[in-house]
PDB file of N, CA and C in Angstrom:
ATOM      1  N   MET A   1       1.489  14.708  50.733  1.00  0.00           N
ATOM      2  CA  MET A   1       0.376  14.032  50.098  1.00  0.00           C
ATOM      3  C   MET A   1      -0.484  15.061  49.384  1.00  0.00           C
ATOM      4  N   THR A   2      -0.807  14.810  48.144  1.00  0.00           N
ATOM      5  CA  THR A   2      -1.688  15.703  47.401  1.00  0.00           C
ATOM      6  C   THR A   2      -3.077  15.106  47.349  1.00  0.00           C
ATOM      7  N   MET A   3      -4.053  16.005  47.278  1.00  0.00           N
ATOM      8  CA  MET A   3      -5.449  15.586  47.267  1.00  0.00           C
ATOM      9  C   MET A   3      -6.118  16.163  46.036  1.00  0.00           C
ATOM     10  N   SER A   4      -6.958  15.374  45.405  1.00  0.00           N
ATOM     11  CA  SER A   4      -7.713  15.902  44.280  1.00  0.00           C
ATOM     12  C   SER A   4      -8.831  16.788  44.812  1.00  0.00           C
ATOM     13  N   ILE A   5      -9.378  17.608  43.941  1.00  0.00           N
ATOM     14  CA  ILE A   5     -10.473  18.488  44.339  1.00  0.00           C
ATOM     15  C   ILE A   5     -11.673  17.661  44.777  1.00  0.00           C
ATOM     16  N   ALA A   6     -11.952  16.575  44.071  1.00  0.00           N
ATOM     17  CA  ALA A   6     -13.086  15.727  44.427  1.00  0.00           C
ATOM     18  C   ALA A   6     -12.909  15.148  45.828  1.00  0.00           C
ATOM     19  N   THR A   7     -11.708  14.677  46.155  1.00  0.00           N
ATOM     20  CA  THR A   7     -11.438  14.146  47.488  1.00  0.00           C
ATOM     21  C   THR A   7     -11.575  15.245  48.526  1.00  0.00           C
ATOM     22  N   PHE A   8     -11.065  16.407  48.214  1.00  0.00           N
ATOM     23  CA  PHE A   8     -11.148  17.554  49.110  1.00  0.00           C
ATOM     24  C   PHE A   8     -12.600  17.869  49.431  1.00  0.00           C
ATOM     25  N   ARG A   9     -13.452  17.865  48.417  1.00  0.00           N
ATOM     26  CA  ARG A   9     -14.869  18.158  48.614  1.00  0.00           C
ATOM     27  C   ARG A   9     -15.569  17.049  49.395  1.00  0.00           C
ATOM     28  N   ARG A  10     -15.240  15.780  49.091  1.00  0.00           N
ATOM     29  CA  ARG A  10     -15.879  14.660  49.793  1.00  0.00           C
ATOM     30  C   ARG A  10     -15.567  14.678  51.277  1.00  0.00           C
ATOM     31  N   GLN A  11     -14.405  15.173  51.639  1.00  0.00           N
ATOM     32  CA  GLN A  11     -14.014  15.195  53.037  1.00  0.00           C
ATOM     33  C   GLN A  11     -14.596  16.393  53.784  1.00  0.00           C
ATOM     34  N   GLY A  12     -15.448  17.158  53.128  1.00  0.00           N
ATOM     35  CA  GLY A  12     -16.138  18.233  53.821  1.00  0.00           C
ATOM     36  C   GLY A  12     -15.402  19.554  53.834  1.00  0.00           C
ATOM     37  N   HIS A  13     -14.425  19.723  52.959  1.00  0.00           N
ATOM     38  CA  HIS A  13     -13.672  20.965  52.915  1.00  0.00           C
ATOM     39  C   HIS A  13     -14.220  21.938  51.883  1.00  0.00           C
ATOM     40  N   TYR A  14     -15.418  21.731  51.461  1.00  0.00           N
ATOM     41  CA  TYR A  14     -16.039  22.580  50.452  1.00  0.00           C
ATOM     42  C   TYR A  14     -16.807  23.661  51.187  1.00  0.00           C
ATOM     43  N   SER A  15     -16.250  24.844  51.251  1.00  0.00           N
ATOM     44  CA  SER A  15     -16.809  25.899  52.103  1.00  0.00           C
ATOM     45  C   SER A  15     -18.046  26.543  51.491  1.00  0.00           C
ATOM     46  N   PRO A  16     -18.916  27.121  52.330  1.00  0.00           N
ATOM     47  CA  PRO A  16     -20.081  27.848  51.830  1.00  0.00           C
ATOM     48  C   PRO A  16     -19.677  29.010  50.926  1.00  0.00           C
ATOM     49  N   ALA A  17     -18.544  29.633  51.211  1.00  0.00           N
ATOM     50  CA  ALA A  17     -18.098  30.750  50.378  1.00  0.00           C
ATOM     51  C   ALA A  17     -17.824  30.277  48.959  1.00  0.00           C
ATOM     52  N   THR A  18     -17.222  29.116  48.816  1.00  0.00           N
ATOM     53  CA  THR A  18     -16.964  28.563  47.491  1.00  0.00           C
ATOM     54  C   THR A  18     -18.275  28.238  46.803  1.00  0.00           C
ATOM     55  N   TYR A  19     -19.217  27.689  47.542  1.00  0.00           N
ATOM     56  CA  TYR A  19     -20.527  27.363  46.984  1.00  0.00           C
ATOM     57  C   TYR A  19     -21.204  28.610  46.446  1.00  0.00           C
ATOM     58  N   CYS A  20     -21.139  29.689  47.180  1.00  0.00           N
ATOM     59  CA  CYS A  20     -21.804  30.927  46.776  1.00  0.00           C
ATOM     60  C   CYS A  20     -21.118  31.582  45.588  1.00  0.00           C
ATOM     61  N   ARG A  21     -19.815  31.379  45.440  1.00  0.00           N
ATOM     62  CA  ARG A  21     -19.091  32.004  44.340  1.00  0.00           C
ATOM     63  C   ARG A  21     -19.302  31.273  43.037  1.00  0.00           C
ATOM     64  N   THR A  22     -19.853  30.087  43.085  1.00  0.00           N
ATOM     65  CA  THR A  22     -20.058  29.303  41.876  1.00  0.00           C
ATOM     66  C   THR A  22     -21.390  29.704  41.259  1.00  0.00           C
ATOM     67  N   PRO A  23     -21.369  30.503  40.177  1.00  0.00           N
ATOM     68  CA  PRO A  23     -22.616  31.012  39.610  1.00  0.00           C
ATOM     69  C   PRO A  23     -23.603  29.924  39.215  1.00  0.00           C
ATOM     70  N   SER A  24     -23.125  28.779  38.731  1.00  0.00           N
ATOM     71  CA  SER A  24     -24.045  27.746  38.278  1.00  0.00           C
ATOM     72  C   SER A  24     -24.810  27.109  39.435  1.00  0.00           C
ATOM     73  N   ARG A  25     -24.323  27.231  40.645  1.00  0.00           N
ATOM     74  CA  ARG A  25     -24.991  26.614  41.789  1.00  0.00           C
ATOM     75  C   ARG A  25     -25.852  27.606  42.565  1.00  0.00           C
ATOM     76  N   ARG A  26     -25.730  28.876  42.285  1.00  0.00           N
ATOM     77  CA  ARG A  26     -26.511  29.885  42.983  1.00  0.00           C
ATOM     78  C   ARG A  26     -27.770  30.154  42.191  1.00  0.00           C
ATOM     79  N   PRO A  27     -28.934  29.806  42.732  1.00  0.00           N
ATOM     80  CA  PRO A  27     -30.157  30.050  41.962  1.00  0.00           C
ATOM     81  C   PRO A  27     -30.414  31.541  41.801  1.00  0.00           C
ATOM     82  N   GLN A  28     -30.810  31.930  40.615  1.00  0.00           N
ATOM     83  CA  GLN A  28     -31.144  33.326  40.358  1.00  0.00           C
ATOM     84  C   GLN A  28     -32.560  33.581  40.855  1.00  0.00           C
ATOM     85  N   THR A  29     -32.736  34.670  41.579  1.00  0.00           N
ATOM     86  CA  THR A  29     -34.058  34.985  42.104  1.00  0.00           C
ATOM     87  C   THR A  29     -34.532  36.299  41.505  1.00  0.00           C
ATOM     88  N   SER A  30     -35.830  36.500  41.571  1.00  0.00           N
ATOM     89  CA  SER A  30     -36.388  37.730  41.024  1.00  0.00           C
ATOM     90  C   SER A  30     -36.738  38.723  42.127  1.00  0.00           C
ATOM     91  N   SER A  31     -36.576  38.333  43.390  1.00  0.00           N
ATOM     92  CA  SER A  31     -36.910  39.240  44.483  1.00  0.00           C
ATOM     93  C   SER A  31     -35.828  40.303  44.626  1.00  0.00           C
ATOM     94  N   LEU A  32     -36.183  41.387  45.242  1.00  0.00           N
ATOM     95  CA  LEU A  32     -35.234  42.480  45.456  1.00  0.00           C
ATOM     96  C   LEU A  32     -34.070  42.014  46.319  1.00  0.00           C
ATOM     97  N   ALA A  33     -34.371  41.251  47.373  1.00  0.00           N
ATOM     98  CA  ALA A  33     -33.310  40.744  48.248  1.00  0.00           C
ATOM     99  C   ALA A  33     -32.380  39.800  47.472  1.00  0.00           C
ATOM    100  N   GLY A  34     -32.950  38.970  46.622  1.00  0.00           N
ATOM    101  CA  GLY A  34     -32.139  38.058  45.820  1.00  0.00           C
ATOM    102  C   GLY A  34     -31.234  38.792  44.854  1.00  0.00           C
ATOM    103  N   LYS A  35     -31.764  39.835  44.238  1.00  0.00           N
ATOM    104  CA  LYS A  35     -30.955  40.624  43.303  1.00  0.00           C
ATOM    105  C   LYS A  35     -29.837  41.349  44.043  1.00  0.00           C
ATOM    106  N   LEU A  36     -30.143  41.838  45.246  1.00  0.00           N
ATOM    107  CA  LEU A  36     -29.114  42.499  46.050  1.00  0.00           C
ATOM    108  C   LEU A  36     -28.005  41.515  46.407  1.00  0.00           C
ATOM    109  N   LEU A  37     -28.392  40.299  46.791  1.00  0.00           N
ATOM    110  CA  LEU A  37     -27.386  39.279  47.092  1.00  0.00           C
ATOM    111  C   LEU A  37     -26.550  38.942  45.863  1.00  0.00           C
ATOM    112  N   ASP A  38     -27.183  38.857  44.692  1.00  0.00           N
ATOM    113  CA  ASP A  38     -26.438  38.601  43.459  1.00  0.00           C
ATOM    114  C   ASP A  38     -25.386  39.673  43.220  1.00  0.00           C
ATOM    115  N   VAL A  39     -25.756  40.930  43.440  1.00  0.00           N
ATOM    116  CA  VAL A  39     -24.810  42.035  43.256  1.00  0.00           C
ATOM    117  C   VAL A  39     -23.667  41.930  44.267  1.00  0.00           C
ATOM    118  N   LEU A  40     -24.004  41.659  45.517  1.00  0.00           N
ATOM    119  CA  LEU A  40     -22.976  41.544  46.551  1.00  0.00           C
ATOM    120  C   LEU A  40     -22.021  40.390  46.261  1.00  0.00           C
ATOM    121  N   PHE A  41     -22.575  39.246  45.827  1.00  0.00           N
ATOM    122  CA  PHE A  41     -21.716  38.108  45.484  1.00  0.00           C
ATOM    123  C   PHE A  41     -20.822  38.426  44.288  1.00  0.00           C
ATOM    124  N   SER A  42     -21.341  39.145  43.302  1.00  0.00           N
ATOM    125  CA  SER A  42     -20.512  39.478  42.138  1.00  0.00           C
ATOM    126  C   SER A  42     -19.407  40.456  42.537  1.00  0.00           C
ATOM    127  N   TRP A  43     -19.707  41.396  43.432  1.00  0.00           N
ATOM    128  CA  TRP A  43     -18.667  42.307  43.917  1.00  0.00           C
ATOM    129  C   TRP A  43     -17.576  41.539  44.662  1.00  0.00           C
ATOM    130  N   GLN A  44     -17.988  40.593  45.504  1.00  0.00           N
ATOM    131  CA  GLN A  44     -17.009  39.802  46.252  1.00  0.00           C
ATOM    132  C   GLN A  44     -16.165  38.958  45.307  1.00  0.00           C
ATOM    133  N   GLU A  45     -16.791  38.356  44.318  1.00  0.00           N
ATOM    134  CA  GLU A  45     -16.046  37.553  43.345  1.00  0.00           C
ATOM    135  C   GLU A  45     -15.044  38.414  42.584  1.00  0.00           C
ATOM    136  N   ARG A  46     -15.454  39.613  42.193  1.00  0.00           N
ATOM    137  CA  ARG A  46     -14.556  40.513  41.480  1.00  0.00           C
ATOM    138  C   ARG A  46     -13.357  40.881  42.352  1.00  0.00           C
ATOM    139  N   ALA A  47     -13.611  41.177  43.627  1.00  0.00           N
ATOM    140  CA  ALA A  47     -12.515  41.500  44.546  1.00  0.00           C
ATOM    141  C   ALA A  47     -11.586  40.301  44.717  1.00  0.00           C
ATOM    142  N   ASN A  48     -12.153  39.095  44.826  1.00  0.00           N
ATOM    143  CA  ASN A  48     -11.339  37.879  44.961  1.00  0.00           C
ATOM    144  C   ASN A  48     -10.478  37.648  43.723  1.00  0.00           C
ATOM    145  N   GLN A  49     -11.048  37.847  42.542  1.00  0.00           N
ATOM    146  CA  GLN A  49     -10.291  37.646  41.309  1.00  0.00           C
ATOM    147  C   GLN A  49      -9.145  38.650  41.197  1.00  0.00           C
ATOM    148  N   ARG A  50      -9.411  39.883  41.570  1.00  0.00           N
ATOM    149  CA  ARG A  50      -8.352  40.897  41.505  1.00  0.00           C
ATOM    150  C   ARG A  50      -7.242  40.586  42.498  1.00  0.00           C
ATOM    151  N   HIS A  51      -7.612  40.101  43.668  1.00  0.00           N
ATOM    152  CA  HIS A  51      -6.591  39.701  44.636  1.00  0.00           C
ATOM    153  C   HIS A  51      -5.781  38.522  44.096  1.00  0.00           C
ATOM    154  N   ALA A  52      -6.456  37.569  43.459  1.00  0.00           N
ATOM    155  CA  ALA A  52      -5.762  36.407  42.904  1.00  0.00           C
ATOM    156  C   ALA A  52      -4.765  36.822  41.825  1.00  0.00           C
ATOM    157  N   LEU A  53      -5.085  37.857  41.069  1.00  0.00           N
ATOM    158  CA  LEU A  53      -4.142  38.351  40.058  1.00  0.00           C
ATOM    159  C   LEU A  53      -2.827  38.783  40.688  1.00  0.00           C
ATOM    160  N   THR A  54      -2.899  39.381  41.874  1.00  0.00           N
ATOM    161  CA  THR A  54      -1.670  39.853  42.533  1.00  0.00           C
ATOM    162  C   THR A  54      -0.791  38.703  42.978  1.00  0.00           C
ATOM    163  N   GLN A  55      -1.368  37.507  43.107  1.00  0.00           N
ATOM    164  CA  GLN A  55      -0.615  36.336  43.571  1.00  0.00           C
ATOM    165  C   GLN A  55       0.123  35.616  42.444  1.00  0.00           C
ATOM    166  N   LEU A  56      -0.191  35.944  41.189  1.00  0.00           N
ATOM    167  CA  LEU A  56       0.436  35.260  40.055  1.00  0.00           C
ATOM    168  C   LEU A  56       1.836  35.802  39.798  1.00  0.00           C
ATOM    169  N   ASP A  57       2.747  34.908  39.442  1.00  0.00           N
ATOM    170  CA  ASP A  57       4.091  35.371  39.093  1.00  0.00           C
ATOM    171  C   ASP A  57       4.110  35.845  37.630  1.00  0.00           C
ATOM    172  N   ASP A  58       5.218  36.450  37.233  1.00  0.00           N
ATOM    173  CA  ASP A  58       5.319  37.053  35.904  1.00  0.00           C
ATOM    174  C   ASP A  58       5.130  36.033  34.777  1.00  0.00           C
ATOM    175  N   ARG A  59       5.606  34.817  34.992  1.00  0.00           N
ATOM    176  CA  ARG A  59       5.462  33.777  33.961  1.00  0.00           C
ATOM    177  C   ARG A  59       3.986  33.454  33.727  1.00  0.00           C
ATOM    178  N   LEU A  60       3.229  33.298  34.806  1.00  0.00           N
ATOM    179  CA  LEU A  60       1.800  33.001  34.662  1.00  0.00           C
ATOM    180  C   LEU A  60       1.050  34.187  34.070  1.00  0.00           C
ATOM    181  N   LEU A  61       1.446  35.390  34.441  1.00  0.00           N
ATOM    182  CA  LEU A  61       0.805  36.570  33.863  1.00  0.00           C
ATOM    183  C   LEU A  61       1.038  36.622  32.355  1.00  0.00           C
ATOM    184  N   ARG A  62       2.260  36.300  31.926  1.00  0.00           N
ATOM    185  CA  ARG A  62       2.538  36.268  30.487  1.00  0.00           C
ATOM    186  C   ARG A  62       1.673  35.239  29.784  1.00  0.00           C
ATOM    187  N   ASP A  63       1.443  34.108  30.458  1.00  0.00           N
ATOM    188  CA  ASP A  63       0.599  33.052  29.865  1.00  0.00           C
ATOM    189  C   ASP A  63      -0.811  33.541  29.570  1.00  0.00           C
ATOM    190  N   VAL A  64      -1.330  34.439  30.389  1.00  0.00           N
ATOM    191  CA  VAL A  64      -2.690  34.949  30.171  1.00  0.00           C
ATOM    192  C   VAL A  64      -2.684  36.301  29.473  1.00  0.00           C
ATOM    193  N   GLY A  65      -1.501  36.745  29.042  1.00  0.00           N
ATOM    194  CA  GLY A  65      -1.408  37.967  28.255  1.00  0.00           C
ATOM    195  C   GLY A  65      -1.423  39.253  29.061  1.00  0.00           C
ATOM    196  N   LEU A  66      -0.977  39.194  30.305  1.00  0.00           N
ATOM    197  CA  LEU A  66      -0.941  40.385  31.153  1.00  0.00           C
ATOM    198  C   LEU A  66       0.478  40.647  31.633  1.00  0.00           C
ATOM    199  N   ASP A  67       0.697  41.844  32.139  1.00  0.00           N
ATOM    200  CA  ASP A  67       1.951  42.153  32.807  1.00  0.00           C
ATOM    201  C   ASP A  67       1.625  42.876  34.112  1.00  0.00           C
ATOM    202  N   ARG A  68       2.635  43.232  34.870  1.00  0.00           N
ATOM    203  CA  ARG A  68       2.428  43.863  36.179  1.00  0.00           C
ATOM    204  C   ARG A  68       1.683  45.192  36.068  1.00  0.00           C
ATOM    205  N   VAL A  69       1.902  45.933  35.004  1.00  0.00           N
ATOM    206  CA  VAL A  69       1.198  47.209  34.820  1.00  0.00           C
ATOM    207  C   VAL A  69      -0.299  46.962  34.670  1.00  0.00           C
ATOM    208  N   ASP A  70      -0.669  45.953  33.884  1.00  0.00           N
ATOM    209  CA  ASP A  70      -2.082  45.598  33.724  1.00  0.00           C
ATOM    210  C   ASP A  70      -2.700  45.189  35.061  1.00  0.00           C
ATOM    211  N   VAL A  71      -1.957  44.386  35.820  1.00  0.00           N
ATOM    212  CA  VAL A  71      -2.457  43.925  37.117  1.00  0.00           C
ATOM    213  C   VAL A  71      -2.634  45.103  38.065  1.00  0.00           C
ATOM    214  N   ASP A  72      -1.635  45.989  38.123  1.00  0.00           N
ATOM    215  CA  ASP A  72      -1.739  47.161  39.005  1.00  0.00           C
ATOM    216  C   ASP A  72      -2.933  48.026  38.633  1.00  0.00           C
ATOM    217  N   ARG A  73      -3.167  48.187  37.348  1.00  0.00           N
ATOM    218  CA  ARG A  73      -4.302  48.982  36.886  1.00  0.00           C
ATOM    219  C   ARG A  73      -5.624  48.327  37.288  1.00  0.00           C
ATOM    220  N   GLU A  74      -5.706  47.012  37.142  1.00  0.00           N
ATOM    221  CA  GLU A  74      -6.936  46.289  37.480  1.00  0.00           C
ATOM    222  C   GLU A  74      -7.192  46.297  38.990  1.00  0.00           C
ATOM    223  N   VAL A  75      -6.148  46.091  39.768  1.00  0.00           N
ATOM    224  CA  VAL A  75      -6.289  46.028  41.223  1.00  0.00           C
ATOM    225  C   VAL A  75      -6.651  47.397  41.805  1.00  0.00           C
ATOM    226  N   ALA A  76      -6.255  48.465  41.139  1.00  0.00           N
ATOM    227  CA  ALA A  76      -6.558  49.813  41.624  1.00  0.00           C
ATOM    228  C   ALA A  76      -8.023  50.180  41.474  1.00  0.00           C
ATOM    229  N   LYS A  77      -8.759  49.424  40.657  1.00  0.00           N
ATOM    230  CA  LYS A  77     -10.186  49.720  40.447  1.00  0.00           C
ATOM    231  C   LYS A  77     -10.979  49.380  41.703  1.00  0.00           C
ATOM    232  N   PRO A  78     -12.031  50.144  41.991  1.00  0.00           N
ATOM    233  CA  PRO A  78     -12.910  49.764  43.105  1.00  0.00           C
ATOM    234  C   PRO A  78     -13.643  48.466  42.776  1.00  0.00           C
ATOM    235  N   PHE A  79     -14.048  47.733  43.806  1.00  0.00           N
ATOM    236  CA  PHE A  79     -14.672  46.423  43.603  1.00  0.00           C
ATOM    237  C   PHE A  79     -15.969  46.494  42.820  1.00  0.00           C
ATOM    238  N   TRP A  80     -16.638  47.615  42.792  1.00  0.00           N
ATOM    239  CA  TRP A  80     -17.915  47.714  42.083  1.00  0.00           C
ATOM    240  C   TRP A  80     -17.736  48.048  40.609  1.00  0.00           C
ATOM    241  N   THR A  81     -16.506  48.320  40.188  1.00  0.00           N
ATOM    242  CA  THR A  81     -16.236  48.666  38.790  1.00  0.00           C
ATOM    243  C   THR A  81     -15.835  47.416  38.019  1.00  0.00           C
ATOM    244  N   PRO A  82     -16.585  47.090  36.958  1.00  0.00           N
ATOM    245  CA  PRO A  82     -16.214  45.904  36.150  1.00  0.00           C
ATOM    246  C   PRO A  82     -14.940  46.120  35.374  1.00  0.00           C
TER     247      PRO A  82
END
């Protein structure tokens, strides 16, 4: 049985981590603590995206214009490096 994203969310499977990774739902704050959290969330998102790149097969990588060398180069970067 497949479930749509909307059904998945309605059933309570929408995790706090997903909520925090969604930039449009995270209010921007001007406090120092808020800015620190923004930086930490962006670092985590960058690490998650780089990990997701390693999960793509060669066909999907070609679709987005990348190859394994590009992925290896990107994944080798530290999480704080854009």
